[in-house]
Amino acid sequence: MKTWGFLFVACLGLISLMVLPEDGLFYRPEKWPKPLYNFDDNPLTLEGFNLGRALFYDPILSQDSTVSCASCHLQYTAFAHVDHPTSHGINSRIGKRNAPGLMNLAWYPTLHWDGGVLNLNGQAINPITHPDEMGETLEGVLKKLNRNRYYKTEFMKVFGADPIQTNHLLKALGQFTVSLVSSNSKYDSVLRKESNFNAQERRGYSLFIKHCNQCHTAPLFTNFEFKANGIGPNKQIIDSGRAMITGKASDAYLFRVPTLRNIEYSFPYMHDGRISKLKEVLAHYANSSNWQKPKSRELTQKKITLNVNEQKDLLSFLKTLSDKQFLFNQAFRFPRK
């Protein structure tokens, strides 16, 4: 790890040379709702974006300098975690939940599977301090950052900060993560009349509007609500979901409706990563007689049976939500020589 850390520091100076998104640090796609993020409280700058990205990829934020934000949020999988059902942290500790994809966060009213975080600028506190993730203290992170010549210089440029404080750290990470906008899939190009669905995609889109759109609402393909989707509680993991935040029994086993953008790449699926393949997710929803309790109202009102061909059609449509420009945008990558 020491060698890796040395190479990381050596690469930091190259960040400013990377190409930013063609549309700038942040853009609001046409006809999308107004973002909820408070840009006045944390104005985006090139230097702030680069600093946030450096921090995102730097394991310095973890207790033993082995885990970074990117360890669980990989760009080419829509900033999700794909090699384990749930997140892994320091000392090979295993978390309770699948690390969700990070995109279009400027529109999120709350964050995490249970909605326990209300502001993107404060989101990083949880993974940094969670014992099963980075396992560090904010005091420990700040001590390391304030000893680091690169970070001392960059935080001074961006925030005029000496010493570096918690709010500077969180806002720098916020400048990077709020810039992760995904809106250039085939679906989007069809809306812009730049391309067309093929016959299978059109059939899948019709099925999607009929069966899925109520919860996975365009353009963000989530309604940000908390639902029980019929998979039943995980008997290996004690996790009551939204109820852990609200304390309400009625919120037990409710989890956020995830976005379907880039769903082809952000496996495994469900809050606990129990389903590894997208076609298996569709098989779950394709037969309502197999759904377990608890089930949210949207499911209790439905009786769904999708045959194999209809499932293939729906899968074909879901793949039109993949945004490869986002997945492989060099502006979001770890800097390379």
C-alpha atoms as a PDB file:
ATOM      1  CA  MET A   1       0.000   0.000   0.000  1.00  0.00           C
ATOM      2  CA  LYS A   2       2.876   2.396   0.630  1.00  0.00           C
ATOM      3  CA  THR A   3       4.019   2.071  -2.988  1.00  0.00           C
ATOM      4  CA  TRP A   4       0.470   2.641  -4.225  1.00  0.00           C
ATOM      5  CA  GLY A   5       0.152   5.714  -2.024  1.00  0.00           C
ATOM      6  CA  PHE A   6       3.392   7.137  -3.428  1.00  0.00           C
ATOM      7  CA  LEU A   7       2.172   6.645  -6.979  1.00  0.00           C
ATOM      8  CA  PHE A   8      -1.130   8.292  -6.066  1.00  0.00           C
ATOM      9  CA  VAL A   9       0.580  11.429  -4.774  1.00  0.00           C
ATOM     10  CA  ALA A  10       2.774  11.497  -7.860  1.00  0.00           C
ATOM     11  CA  CYS A  11      -0.306  11.513 -10.046  1.00  0.00           C
ATOM     12  CA  LEU A  12      -2.207  14.228  -8.203  1.00  0.00           C
ATOM     13  CA  GLY A  13      -0.521  17.006 -10.119  1.00  0.00           C
ATOM     14  CA  LEU A  14      -1.944  15.619 -13.355  1.00  0.00           C
ATOM     15  CA  ILE A  15      -5.572  16.098 -12.330  1.00  0.00           C
ATOM     16  CA  SER A  16      -5.787  19.642 -13.628  1.00  0.00           C
ATOM     17  CA  LEU A  17      -4.796  18.355 -17.063  1.00  0.00           C
ATOM     18  CA  MET A  18      -7.842  16.087 -17.376  1.00  0.00           C
ATOM     19  CA  VAL A  19     -10.674  17.009 -19.684  1.00  0.00           C
ATOM     20  CA  LEU A  20     -13.837  18.128 -17.929  1.00  0.00           C
ATOM     21  CA  PRO A  21     -17.295  17.223 -19.261  1.00  0.00           C
ATOM     22  CA  GLU A  22     -18.130  19.022 -22.486  1.00  0.00           C
ATOM     23  CA  ASP A  23     -21.047  20.699 -20.761  1.00  0.00           C
ATOM     24  CA  GLY A  24     -18.935  22.055 -17.905  1.00  0.00           C
ATOM     25  CA  LEU A  25     -18.619  21.171 -14.224  1.00  0.00           C
ATOM     26  CA  PHE A  26     -22.366  20.711 -13.892  1.00  0.00           C
ATOM     27  CA  TYR A  27     -25.240  20.919 -16.295  1.00  0.00           C
ATOM     28  CA  ARG A  28     -28.993  20.594 -16.069  1.00  0.00           C
ATOM     29  CA  PRO A  29     -30.326  18.557 -18.984  1.00  0.00           C
ATOM     30  CA  GLU A  30     -33.152  20.079 -20.967  1.00  0.00           C
ATOM     31  CA  LYS A  31     -36.602  19.492 -19.433  1.00  0.00           C
ATOM     32  CA  TRP A  32     -35.165  18.054 -16.236  1.00  0.00           C
ATOM     33  CA  PRO A  33     -36.481  19.471 -12.938  1.00  0.00           C
ATOM     34  CA  LYS A  34     -34.574  22.101 -11.018  1.00  0.00           C
ATOM     35  CA  PRO A  35     -31.757  20.586  -8.926  1.00  0.00           C
ATOM     36  CA  LEU A  36     -32.239  20.558  -5.165  1.00  0.00           C
ATOM     37  CA  TYR A  37     -28.547  20.994  -4.398  1.00  0.00           C
ATOM     38  CA  ASN A  38     -27.599  24.417  -3.014  1.00  0.00           C
ATOM     39  CA  PHE A  39     -24.900  25.617  -5.391  1.00  0.00           C
ATOM     40  CA  ASP A  40     -24.818  29.021  -3.690  1.00  0.00           C
ATOM     41  CA  ASP A  41     -23.547  27.343  -0.538  1.00  0.00           C
ATOM     42  CA  ASN A  42     -20.810  25.496  -2.432  1.00  0.00           C
ATOM     43  CA  PRO A  43     -19.998  27.209  -5.755  1.00  0.00           C
ATOM     44  CA  LEU A  44     -18.337  24.850  -8.223  1.00  0.00           C
ATOM     45  CA  THR A  45     -14.876  25.671  -9.515  1.00  0.00           C
ATOM     46  CA  LEU A  46     -12.368  23.746 -11.589  1.00  0.00           C
ATOM     47  CA  GLU A  47      -9.973  23.681  -8.650  1.00  0.00           C
ATOM     48  CA  GLY A  48     -12.720  22.472  -6.300  1.00  0.00           C
ATOM     49  CA  PHE A  49     -13.779  19.736  -8.717  1.00  0.00           C
ATOM     50  CA  ASN A  50     -10.187  18.518  -9.064  1.00  0.00           C
ATOM     51  CA  LEU A  51      -9.665  18.588  -5.307  1.00  0.00           C
ATOM     52  CA  GLY A  52     -12.860  16.648  -4.704  1.00  0.00           C
ATOM     53  CA  ARG A  53     -11.870  14.067  -7.264  1.00  0.00           C
ATOM     54  CA  ALA A  54      -8.433  13.667  -5.695  1.00  0.00           C
ATOM     55  CA  LEU A  55     -10.057  13.008  -2.329  1.00  0.00           C
ATOM     56  CA  PHE A  56     -12.598  10.605  -3.846  1.00  0.00           C
ATOM     57  CA  TYR A  57      -9.807   8.361  -5.157  1.00  0.00           C
ATOM     58  CA  ASP A  58      -7.438   8.728  -2.190  1.00  0.00           C
ATOM     59  CA  PRO A  59      -7.401   6.013   0.527  1.00  0.00           C
ATOM     60  CA  ILE A  60      -6.049   8.634   2.920  1.00  0.00           C
ATOM     61  CA  LEU A  61      -9.645   9.065   4.081  1.00  0.00           C
ATOM     62  CA  SER A  62      -9.662   5.587   5.662  1.00  0.00           C
ATOM     63  CA  GLN A  63      -8.115   4.586   8.970  1.00  0.00           C
ATOM     64  CA  ASP A  64      -5.345   2.462   7.469  1.00  0.00           C
ATOM     65  CA  SER A  65      -5.134   4.151   4.053  1.00  0.00           C
ATOM     66  CA  THR A  66      -6.424   1.086   2.182  1.00  0.00           C
ATOM     67  CA  VAL A  67      -9.974   2.136   1.228  1.00  0.00           C
ATOM     68  CA  SER A  68     -11.089   5.114  -0.844  1.00  0.00           C
ATOM     69  CA  CYS A  69     -14.547   6.258  -1.928  1.00  0.00           C
ATOM     70  CA  ALA A  70     -13.758   4.721  -5.312  1.00  0.00           C
ATOM     71  CA  SER A  71     -13.143   1.333  -3.683  1.00  0.00           C
ATOM     72  CA  CYS A  72     -16.921   0.940  -3.477  1.00  0.00           C
ATOM     73  CA  HIS A  73     -17.916   3.338  -6.261  1.00  0.00           C
ATOM     74  CA  LEU A  74     -16.266   2.384  -9.558  1.00  0.00           C
ATOM     75  CA  GLN A  75     -16.816   4.673 -12.514  1.00  0.00           C
ATOM     76  CA  TYR A  76     -17.174   1.981 -15.167  1.00  0.00           C
ATOM     77  CA  THR A  77     -19.997   0.398 -13.150  1.00  0.00           C
ATOM     78  CA  ALA A  78     -21.860   3.696 -12.713  1.00  0.00           C
ATOM     79  CA  PHE A  79     -19.965   4.402  -9.492  1.00  0.00           C
ATOM     80  CA  ALA A  80     -21.477   1.302  -7.879  1.00  0.00           C
ATOM     81  CA  HIS A  81     -19.852  -1.714  -6.206  1.00  0.00           C
ATOM     82  CA  VAL A  82     -19.959  -4.897  -8.248  1.00  0.00           C
ATOM     83  CA  ASP A  83     -17.538  -7.500  -6.873  1.00  0.00           C
ATOM     84  CA  HIS A  84     -19.469  -8.229  -3.651  1.00  0.00           C
ATOM     85  CA  PRO A  85     -23.166  -8.132  -2.703  1.00  0.00           C
ATOM     86  CA  THR A  86     -22.472  -5.554   0.016  1.00  0.00           C
ATOM     87  CA  SER A  87     -19.716  -3.032   0.566  1.00  0.00           C
ATOM     88  CA  HIS A  88     -16.318  -4.067   1.955  1.00  0.00           C
ATOM     89  CA  GLY A  89     -14.227  -1.836   4.179  1.00  0.00           C
ATOM     90  CA  ILE A  90     -10.983  -1.778   6.133  1.00  0.00           C
ATOM     91  CA  ASN A  91      -9.651  -5.049   7.510  1.00  0.00           C
ATOM     92  CA  SER A  92     -11.984  -6.919   5.106  1.00  0.00           C
ATOM     93  CA  ARG A  93     -15.004  -5.876   7.110  1.00  0.00           C
ATOM     94  CA  ILE A  94     -18.335  -6.423   5.383  1.00  0.00           C
ATOM     95  CA  GLY A  95     -21.181  -3.911   5.392  1.00  0.00           C
ATOM     96  CA  LYS A  96     -24.918  -4.553   5.376  1.00  0.00           C
ATOM     97  CA  ARG A  97     -25.822  -2.831   2.121  1.00  0.00           C
ATOM     98  CA  ASN A  98     -24.899  -2.729  -1.526  1.00  0.00           C
ATOM     99  CA  ALA A  99     -23.090   0.455  -2.500  1.00  0.00           C
ATOM    100  CA  PRO A 100     -25.480   2.275  -4.867  1.00  0.00           C
ATOM    101  CA  GLY A 101     -24.448   4.010  -8.076  1.00  0.00           C
ATOM    102  CA  LEU A 102     -23.561   7.685  -7.795  1.00  0.00           C
ATOM    103  CA  MET A 103     -25.156   9.879 -10.451  1.00  0.00           C
ATOM    104  CA  ASN A 104     -27.524  12.833 -10.701  1.00  0.00           C
ATOM    105  CA  LEU A 105     -27.169  13.445  -6.971  1.00  0.00           C
ATOM    106  CA  ALA A 106     -28.043  17.119  -7.335  1.00  0.00           C
ATOM    107  CA  TRP A 107     -31.703  16.063  -7.605  1.00  0.00           C
ATOM    108  CA  TYR A 108     -31.806  13.787  -4.542  1.00  0.00           C
ATOM    109  CA  PRO A 109     -33.899  15.075  -1.620  1.00  0.00           C
ATOM    110  CA  THR A 110     -32.205  12.553   0.710  1.00  0.00           C
ATOM    111  CA  LEU A 111     -29.352  10.088   0.348  1.00  0.00           C
ATOM    112  CA  HIS A 112     -28.522   6.466   1.189  1.00  0.00           C
ATOM    113  CA  TRP A 113     -30.848   3.484   0.975  1.00  0.00           C
ATOM    114  CA  ASP A 114     -32.722   4.667   4.058  1.00  0.00           C
ATOM    115  CA  GLY A 115     -32.708   8.418   3.369  1.00  0.00           C
ATOM    116  CA  GLY A 116     -30.690   9.040   6.503  1.00  0.00           C
ATOM    117  CA  VAL A 117     -28.631  11.884   4.993  1.00  0.00           C
ATOM    118  CA  LEU A 118     -30.308  15.135   4.008  1.00  0.00           C
ATOM    119  CA  ASN A 119     -27.456  16.969   2.283  1.00  0.00           C
ATOM    120  CA  LEU A 120     -24.859  15.823  -0.234  1.00  0.00           C
ATOM    121  CA  ASN A 121     -22.239  18.010   1.477  1.00  0.00           C
ATOM    122  CA  GLY A 122     -22.621  15.884   4.612  1.00  0.00           C
ATOM    123  CA  GLN A 123     -22.930  12.481   2.975  1.00  0.00           C
ATOM    124  CA  ALA A 124     -19.264  11.529   3.241  1.00  0.00           C
ATOM    125  CA  ILE A 125     -19.306  11.579   7.045  1.00  0.00           C
ATOM    126  CA  ASN A 126     -21.093   8.225   7.148  1.00  0.00           C
ATOM    127  CA  PRO A 127     -18.676   6.115   5.069  1.00  0.00           C
ATOM    128  CA  ILE A 128     -15.603   7.834   6.507  1.00  0.00           C
ATOM    129  CA  THR A 129     -16.589   7.116  10.109  1.00  0.00           C
ATOM    130  CA  HIS A 130     -18.483   3.829   9.714  1.00  0.00           C
ATOM    131  CA  PRO A 131     -16.470   0.988  11.304  1.00  0.00           C
ATOM    132  CA  ASP A 132     -17.303  -1.385   8.444  1.00  0.00           C
ATOM    133  CA  GLU A 133     -16.264   1.082   5.756  1.00  0.00           C
ATOM    134  CA  MET A 134     -13.394   3.547   6.178  1.00  0.00           C
ATOM    135  CA  GLY A 135     -13.355   3.293   9.973  1.00  0.00           C
ATOM    136  CA  GLU A 136     -11.703   6.686  10.475  1.00  0.00           C
ATOM    137  CA  THR A 137     -12.573   9.719  12.569  1.00  0.00           C
ATOM    138  CA  LEU A 138     -12.985  13.184  11.111  1.00  0.00           C
ATOM    139  CA  GLU A 139     -10.233  14.351  13.433  1.00  0.00           C
ATOM    140  CA  GLY A 140      -7.942  11.647  12.086  1.00  0.00           C
ATOM    141  CA  VAL A 141      -8.647  12.553   8.459  1.00  0.00           C
ATOM    142  CA  LEU A 142      -8.056  16.249   9.072  1.00  0.00           C
ATOM    143  CA  LYS A 143      -4.799  15.521  10.851  1.00  0.00           C
ATOM    144  CA  LYS A 144      -3.529  13.576   7.845  1.00  0.00           C
ATOM    145  CA  LEU A 145      -4.722  16.156   5.334  1.00  0.00           C
ATOM    146  CA  ASN A 146      -3.123  19.006   7.243  1.00  0.00           C
ATOM    147  CA  ARG A 147       0.199  17.159   7.167  1.00  0.00           C
ATOM    148  CA  ASN A 148      -0.007  16.638   3.395  1.00  0.00           C
ATOM    149  CA  ARG A 149       1.687  19.332   1.300  1.00  0.00           C
ATOM    150  CA  TYR A 150      -0.512  18.761  -1.767  1.00  0.00           C
ATOM    151  CA  TYR A 151      -3.762  19.031   0.158  1.00  0.00           C
ATOM    152  CA  LYS A 152      -2.598  22.009   2.210  1.00  0.00           C
ATOM    153  CA  THR A 153      -1.875  23.865  -1.018  1.00  0.00           C
ATOM    154  CA  GLU A 154      -5.076  22.860  -2.824  1.00  0.00           C
ATOM    155  CA  PHE A 155      -7.435  23.553   0.071  1.00  0.00           C
ATOM    156  CA  MET A 156      -5.881  26.995   0.361  1.00  0.00           C
ATOM    157  CA  LYS A 157      -6.542  27.614  -3.348  1.00  0.00           C
ATOM    158  CA  VAL A 158     -10.153  26.476  -3.201  1.00  0.00           C
ATOM    159  CA  PHE A 159     -11.334  27.567   0.231  1.00  0.00           C
ATOM    160  CA  GLY A 160      -8.579  29.831   1.587  1.00  0.00           C
ATOM    161  CA  ALA A 161      -8.400  27.263   4.358  1.00  0.00           C
ATOM    162  CA  ASP A 162      -5.500  26.859   6.779  1.00  0.00           C
ATOM    163  CA  PRO A 163      -5.894  24.620   8.639  1.00  0.00           C
ATOM    164  CA  ILE A 164      -8.269  22.381   6.673  1.00  0.00           C
ATOM    165  CA  GLN A 165     -11.601  21.974   8.491  1.00  0.00           C
ATOM    166  CA  THR A 166     -14.393  19.387   8.218  1.00  0.00           C
ATOM    167  CA  ASN A 167     -16.674  21.597   6.125  1.00  0.00           C
ATOM    168  CA  HIS A 168     -13.890  22.170   3.589  1.00  0.00           C
ATOM    169  CA  LEU A 169     -13.345  18.416   3.224  1.00  0.00           C
ATOM    170  CA  LEU A 170     -17.048  17.713   2.775  1.00  0.00           C
ATOM    171  CA  LYS A 171     -17.623  20.540   0.322  1.00  0.00           C
ATOM    172  CA  ALA A 172     -14.661  19.470  -1.804  1.00  0.00           C
ATOM    173  CA  LEU A 173     -16.087  15.945  -2.075  1.00  0.00           C
ATOM    174  CA  GLY A 174     -19.485  17.483  -2.826  1.00  0.00           C
ATOM    175  CA  GLN A 175     -18.072  19.468  -5.746  1.00  0.00           C
ATOM    176  CA  PHE A 176     -16.949  16.271  -7.412  1.00  0.00           C
ATOM    177  CA  THR A 177     -19.942  14.061  -6.674  1.00  0.00           C
ATOM    178  CA  VAL A 178     -22.554  16.668  -7.613  1.00  0.00           C
ATOM    179  CA  SER A 179     -20.877  16.915 -11.022  1.00  0.00           C
ATOM    180  CA  LEU A 180     -21.629  13.249 -11.830  1.00  0.00           C
ATOM    181  CA  VAL A 181     -24.512  13.882 -14.220  1.00  0.00           C
ATOM    182  CA  SER A 182     -25.678  11.042 -16.483  1.00  0.00           C
ATOM    183  CA  SER A 183     -28.140  12.027 -19.191  1.00  0.00           C
ATOM    184  CA  ASN A 184     -26.795  10.837 -22.526  1.00  0.00           C
ATOM    185  CA  SER A 185     -28.124   7.309 -22.969  1.00  0.00           C
ATOM    186  CA  LYS A 186     -29.853   6.000 -26.079  1.00  0.00           C
ATOM    187  CA  TYR A 187     -33.152   6.723 -24.321  1.00  0.00           C
ATOM    188  CA  ASP A 188     -32.128  10.372 -24.059  1.00  0.00           C
ATOM    189  CA  SER A 189     -31.079  10.503 -27.701  1.00  0.00           C
ATOM    190  CA  VAL A 190     -34.509   9.121 -28.678  1.00  0.00           C
ATOM    191  CA  LEU A 191     -36.168  11.887 -26.674  1.00  0.00           C
ATOM    192  CA  ARG A 192     -33.984  14.398 -28.507  1.00  0.00           C
ATOM    193  CA  LYS A 193     -35.081  12.795 -31.805  1.00  0.00           C
ATOM    194  CA  GLU A 194     -31.484  11.912 -32.633  1.00  0.00           C
ATOM    195  CA  SER A 195     -32.188   8.160 -32.844  1.00  0.00           C
ATOM    196  CA  ASN A 196     -35.004   5.640 -32.609  1.00  0.00           C
ATOM    197  CA  PHE A 197     -35.846   2.582 -30.563  1.00  0.00           C
ATOM    198  CA  ASN A 198     -35.768  -0.697 -32.432  1.00  0.00           C
ATOM    199  CA  ALA A 199     -38.881  -2.876 -32.350  1.00  0.00           C
ATOM    200  CA  GLN A 200     -37.847  -4.806 -29.235  1.00  0.00           C
ATOM    201  CA  GLU A 201     -36.923  -1.636 -27.355  1.00  0.00           C
ATOM    202  CA  ARG A 202     -40.282  -0.090 -28.243  1.00  0.00           C
ATOM    203  CA  ARG A 203     -42.119  -3.122 -26.896  1.00  0.00           C
ATOM    204  CA  GLY A 204     -40.020  -2.986 -23.762  1.00  0.00           C
ATOM    205  CA  TYR A 205     -40.713   0.714 -23.321  1.00  0.00           C
ATOM    206  CA  SER A 206     -44.454   0.067 -23.500  1.00  0.00           C
ATOM    207  CA  LEU A 207     -44.123  -2.605 -20.826  1.00  0.00           C
ATOM    208  CA  PHE A 208     -42.033  -0.254 -18.718  1.00  0.00           C
ATOM    209  CA  ILE A 209     -44.651   2.504 -18.866  1.00  0.00           C
ATOM    210  CA  LYS A 210     -47.350   0.012 -17.939  1.00  0.00           C
ATOM    211  CA  HIS A 211     -45.603  -1.744 -15.067  1.00  0.00           C
ATOM    212  CA  CYS A 212     -42.565   0.227 -13.818  1.00  0.00           C
ATOM    213  CA  ASN A 213     -42.972   3.928 -14.451  1.00  0.00           C
ATOM    214  CA  GLN A 214     -44.932   4.688 -11.291  1.00  0.00           C
ATOM    215  CA  CYS A 215     -41.862   4.179  -9.101  1.00  0.00           C
ATOM    216  CA  HIS A 216     -39.041   4.492 -11.650  1.00  0.00           C
ATOM    217  CA  THR A 217     -40.219   7.790 -13.067  1.00  0.00           C
ATOM    218  CA  ALA A 218     -38.368   9.560 -15.881  1.00  0.00           C
ATOM    219  CA  PRO A 219     -36.169  11.491 -16.336  1.00  0.00           C
ATOM    220  CA  LEU A 220     -34.308  10.353 -13.193  1.00  0.00           C
ATOM    221  CA  PHE A 221     -35.974   6.918 -13.226  1.00  0.00           C
ATOM    222  CA  THR A 222     -36.721   7.047  -9.505  1.00  0.00           C
ATOM    223  CA  ASN A 223     -39.396   8.827  -7.509  1.00  0.00           C
ATOM    224  CA  PHE A 224     -37.041   8.946  -4.489  1.00  0.00           C
ATOM    225  CA  GLU A 225     -39.631   7.217  -2.298  1.00  0.00           C
ATOM    226  CA  PHE A 226     -39.088   4.271   0.042  1.00  0.00           C
ATOM    227  CA  LYS A 227     -40.787   1.013  -0.889  1.00  0.00           C
ATOM    228  CA  ALA A 228     -40.928  -2.708  -0.139  1.00  0.00           C
ATOM    229  CA  ASN A 229     -40.615  -4.550  -3.436  1.00  0.00           C
ATOM    230  CA  GLY A 230     -41.639  -8.067  -2.483  1.00  0.00           C
ATOM    231  CA  ILE A 231     -38.204  -9.647  -2.088  1.00  0.00           C
ATOM    232  CA  GLY A 232     -38.775 -10.118   1.648  1.00  0.00           C
ATOM    233  CA  PRO A 233     -36.374  -9.457   4.543  1.00  0.00           C
ATOM    234  CA  ASN A 234     -32.819 -10.769   4.317  1.00  0.00           C
ATOM    235  CA  LYS A 235     -32.551 -13.467   6.979  1.00  0.00           C
ATOM    236  CA  GLN A 236     -28.751 -13.160   7.116  1.00  0.00           C
ATOM    237  CA  ILE A 237     -28.684  -9.393   7.683  1.00  0.00           C
ATOM    238  CA  ILE A 238     -30.590  -7.475  10.356  1.00  0.00           C
ATOM    239  CA  ASP A 239     -31.655  -4.322   8.534  1.00  0.00           C
ATOM    240  CA  SER A 240     -35.066  -2.711   8.911  1.00  0.00           C
ATOM    241  CA  GLY A 241     -34.331   0.017   6.343  1.00  0.00           C
ATOM    242  CA  ARG A 242     -36.169   3.304   6.573  1.00  0.00           C
ATOM    243  CA  ALA A 243     -37.513   2.435  10.040  1.00  0.00           C
ATOM    244  CA  MET A 244     -33.980   2.819  11.429  1.00  0.00           C
ATOM    245  CA  ILE A 245     -34.220   6.518  10.565  1.00  0.00           C
ATOM    246  CA  THR A 246     -37.849   7.324  11.352  1.00  0.00           C
ATOM    247  CA  GLY A 247     -38.490   4.877  14.183  1.00  0.00           C
ATOM    248  CA  LYS A 248     -41.857   4.043  12.616  1.00  0.00           C
ATOM    249  CA  ALA A 249     -42.960   0.429  12.422  1.00  0.00           C
ATOM    250  CA  SER A 250     -44.741   1.244   9.171  1.00  0.00           C
ATOM    251  CA  ASP A 251     -41.361   2.034   7.595  1.00  0.00           C
ATOM    252  CA  ALA A 252     -39.869  -1.382   8.363  1.00  0.00           C
ATOM    253  CA  TYR A 253     -38.056  -2.943   5.383  1.00  0.00           C
ATOM    254  CA  LEU A 254     -38.642   0.070   3.166  1.00  0.00           C
ATOM    255  CA  PHE A 255     -35.696   1.115   0.999  1.00  0.00           C
ATOM    256  CA  ARG A 256     -35.193   3.841  -1.561  1.00  0.00           C
ATOM    257  CA  VAL A 257     -36.396   3.217  -5.083  1.00  0.00           C
ATOM    258  CA  PRO A 258     -33.063   3.123  -6.982  1.00  0.00           C
ATOM    259  CA  THR A 259     -32.498   4.883 -10.256  1.00  0.00           C
ATOM    260  CA  LEU A 260     -32.553   2.646 -13.326  1.00  0.00           C
ATOM    261  CA  ARG A 261     -30.094   4.792 -15.239  1.00  0.00           C
ATOM    262  CA  ASN A 262     -27.049   2.679 -16.110  1.00  0.00           C
ATOM    263  CA  ILE A 263     -28.765  -0.302 -14.488  1.00  0.00           C
ATOM    264  CA  GLU A 264     -27.089  -2.627 -16.992  1.00  0.00           C
ATOM    265  CA  TYR A 265     -23.735  -1.873 -15.330  1.00  0.00           C
ATOM    266  CA  SER A 266     -24.569  -1.281 -11.658  1.00  0.00           C
ATOM    267  CA  PHE A 267     -25.016  -4.891 -10.524  1.00  0.00           C
ATOM    268  CA  PRO A 268     -25.574  -6.554  -8.080  1.00  0.00           C
ATOM    269  CA  TYR A 269     -29.124  -5.458  -7.373  1.00  0.00           C
ATOM    270  CA  MET A 270     -31.400  -4.681  -4.424  1.00  0.00           C
ATOM    271  CA  HIS A 271     -30.315  -2.905  -1.238  1.00  0.00           C
ATOM    272  CA  ASP A 272     -28.420  -5.987  -0.090  1.00  0.00           C
ATOM    273  CA  GLY A 273     -27.039  -7.041  -3.467  1.00  0.00           C
ATOM    274  CA  ARG A 274     -28.811 -10.397  -3.273  1.00  0.00           C
ATOM    275  CA  ILE A 275     -29.553 -10.560  -7.022  1.00  0.00           C
ATOM    276  CA  SER A 276     -26.541 -10.662  -9.307  1.00  0.00           C
ATOM    277  CA  LYS A 277     -28.095 -10.426 -12.783  1.00  0.00           C
ATOM    278  CA  LEU A 278     -30.562  -7.981 -14.261  1.00  0.00           C
ATOM    279  CA  LYS A 279     -32.559 -10.743 -15.929  1.00  0.00           C
ATOM    280  CA  GLU A 280     -33.073 -12.256 -12.473  1.00  0.00           C
ATOM    281  CA  VAL A 281     -34.461  -8.944 -11.236  1.00  0.00           C
ATOM    282  CA  LEU A 282     -36.960  -8.990 -14.099  1.00  0.00           C
ATOM    283  CA  ALA A 283     -37.849 -12.593 -13.301  1.00  0.00           C
ATOM    284  CA  HIS A 284     -38.692 -11.493  -9.751  1.00  0.00           C
ATOM    285  CA  TYR A 285     -41.082  -8.802 -10.941  1.00  0.00           C
ATOM    286  CA  ALA A 286     -42.459 -10.940 -13.782  1.00  0.00           C
ATOM    287  CA  ASN A 287     -44.593 -13.144 -11.521  1.00  0.00           C
ATOM    288  CA  SER A 288     -46.465 -11.366  -8.747  1.00  0.00           C
ATOM    289  CA  SER A 289     -47.486 -14.660  -7.156  1.00  0.00           C
ATOM    290  CA  ASN A 290     -43.880 -15.053  -5.945  1.00  0.00           C
ATOM    291  CA  TRP A 291     -43.721 -11.711  -4.122  1.00  0.00           C
ATOM    292  CA  GLN A 292     -43.200 -11.845  -0.380  1.00  0.00           C
ATOM    293  CA  LYS A 293     -44.363  -9.523   2.355  1.00  0.00           C
ATOM    294  CA  PRO A 294     -43.920  -6.700   3.034  1.00  0.00           C
ATOM    295  CA  LYS A 295     -45.136  -5.207  -0.234  1.00  0.00           C
ATOM    296  CA  SER A 296     -45.785  -1.542  -0.887  1.00  0.00           C
ATOM    297  CA  ARG A 297     -49.152  -0.363  -2.174  1.00  0.00           C
ATOM    298  CA  GLU A 298     -47.965  -0.218  -5.780  1.00  0.00           C
ATOM    299  CA  LEU A 299     -47.331  -3.966  -5.718  1.00  0.00           C
ATOM    300  CA  THR A 300     -50.361  -5.022  -3.717  1.00  0.00           C
ATOM    301  CA  GLN A 301     -52.529  -3.371  -6.374  1.00  0.00           C
ATOM    302  CA  LYS A 302     -50.841  -5.224  -9.236  1.00  0.00           C
ATOM    303  CA  LYS A 303     -50.964  -8.702 -10.652  1.00  0.00           C
ATOM    304  CA  ILE A 304     -48.151  -9.094 -13.126  1.00  0.00           C
ATOM    305  CA  THR A 305     -47.235 -11.994 -15.363  1.00  0.00           C
ATOM    306  CA  LEU A 306     -44.575 -11.393 -17.972  1.00  0.00           C
ATOM    307  CA  ASN A 307     -43.597 -14.206 -20.287  1.00  0.00           C
ATOM    308  CA  VAL A 308     -39.996 -14.846 -21.295  1.00  0.00           C
ATOM    309  CA  ASN A 309     -40.227 -12.764 -24.463  1.00  0.00           C
ATOM    310  CA  GLU A 310     -41.762  -9.830 -22.594  1.00  0.00           C
ATOM    311  CA  GLN A 311     -38.961  -9.981 -20.052  1.00  0.00           C
ATOM    312  CA  LYS A 312     -36.441  -9.878 -22.904  1.00  0.00           C
ATOM    313  CA  ASP A 313     -38.235  -6.875 -24.378  1.00  0.00           C
ATOM    314  CA  LEU A 314     -38.152  -5.047 -21.053  1.00  0.00           C
ATOM    315  CA  LEU A 315     -34.468  -5.874 -20.627  1.00  0.00           C
ATOM    316  CA  SER A 316     -33.796  -4.470 -24.093  1.00  0.00           C
ATOM    317  CA  PHE A 317     -35.388  -1.172 -23.083  1.00  0.00           C
ATOM    318  CA  LEU A 318     -33.515  -0.983 -19.778  1.00  0.00           C
ATOM    319  CA  LYS A 319     -30.255  -1.259 -21.685  1.00  0.00           C
ATOM    320  CA  THR A 320     -31.157   1.951 -23.542  1.00  0.00           C
ATOM    321  CA  LEU A 321     -30.643   3.723 -20.193  1.00  0.00           C
ATOM    322  CA  SER A 322     -26.894   3.012 -20.316  1.00  0.00           C
ATOM    323  CA  ASP A 323     -24.808   6.159 -20.731  1.00  0.00           C
ATOM    324  CA  LYS A 324     -21.360   5.127 -21.905  1.00  0.00           C
ATOM    325  CA  GLN A 325     -20.203   8.729 -22.210  1.00  0.00           C
ATOM    326  CA  PHE A 326     -20.739   8.978 -18.454  1.00  0.00           C
ATOM    327  CA  LEU A 327     -19.230   5.582 -17.663  1.00  0.00           C
ATOM    328  CA  PHE A 328     -16.010   6.310 -19.529  1.00  0.00           C
ATOM    329  CA  ASN A 329     -15.708  10.088 -19.192  1.00  0.00           C
ATOM    330  CA  GLN A 330     -12.044  10.805 -18.504  1.00  0.00           C
ATOM    331  CA  ALA A 331     -12.974  13.792 -16.360  1.00  0.00           C
ATOM    332  CA  PHE A 332     -14.300  11.428 -13.698  1.00  0.00           C
ATOM    333  CA  ARG A 333     -11.452   8.916 -13.753  1.00  0.00           C
ATOM    334  CA  PHE A 334      -8.474   8.499 -11.504  1.00  0.00           C
ATOM    335  CA  PRO A 335      -5.716  10.543 -13.168  1.00  0.00           C
ATOM    336  CA  ARG A 336      -3.312   8.640 -15.374  1.00  0.00           C
ATOM    337  CA  LYS A 337      -0.006   9.623 -16.917  1.00  0.00           C
END
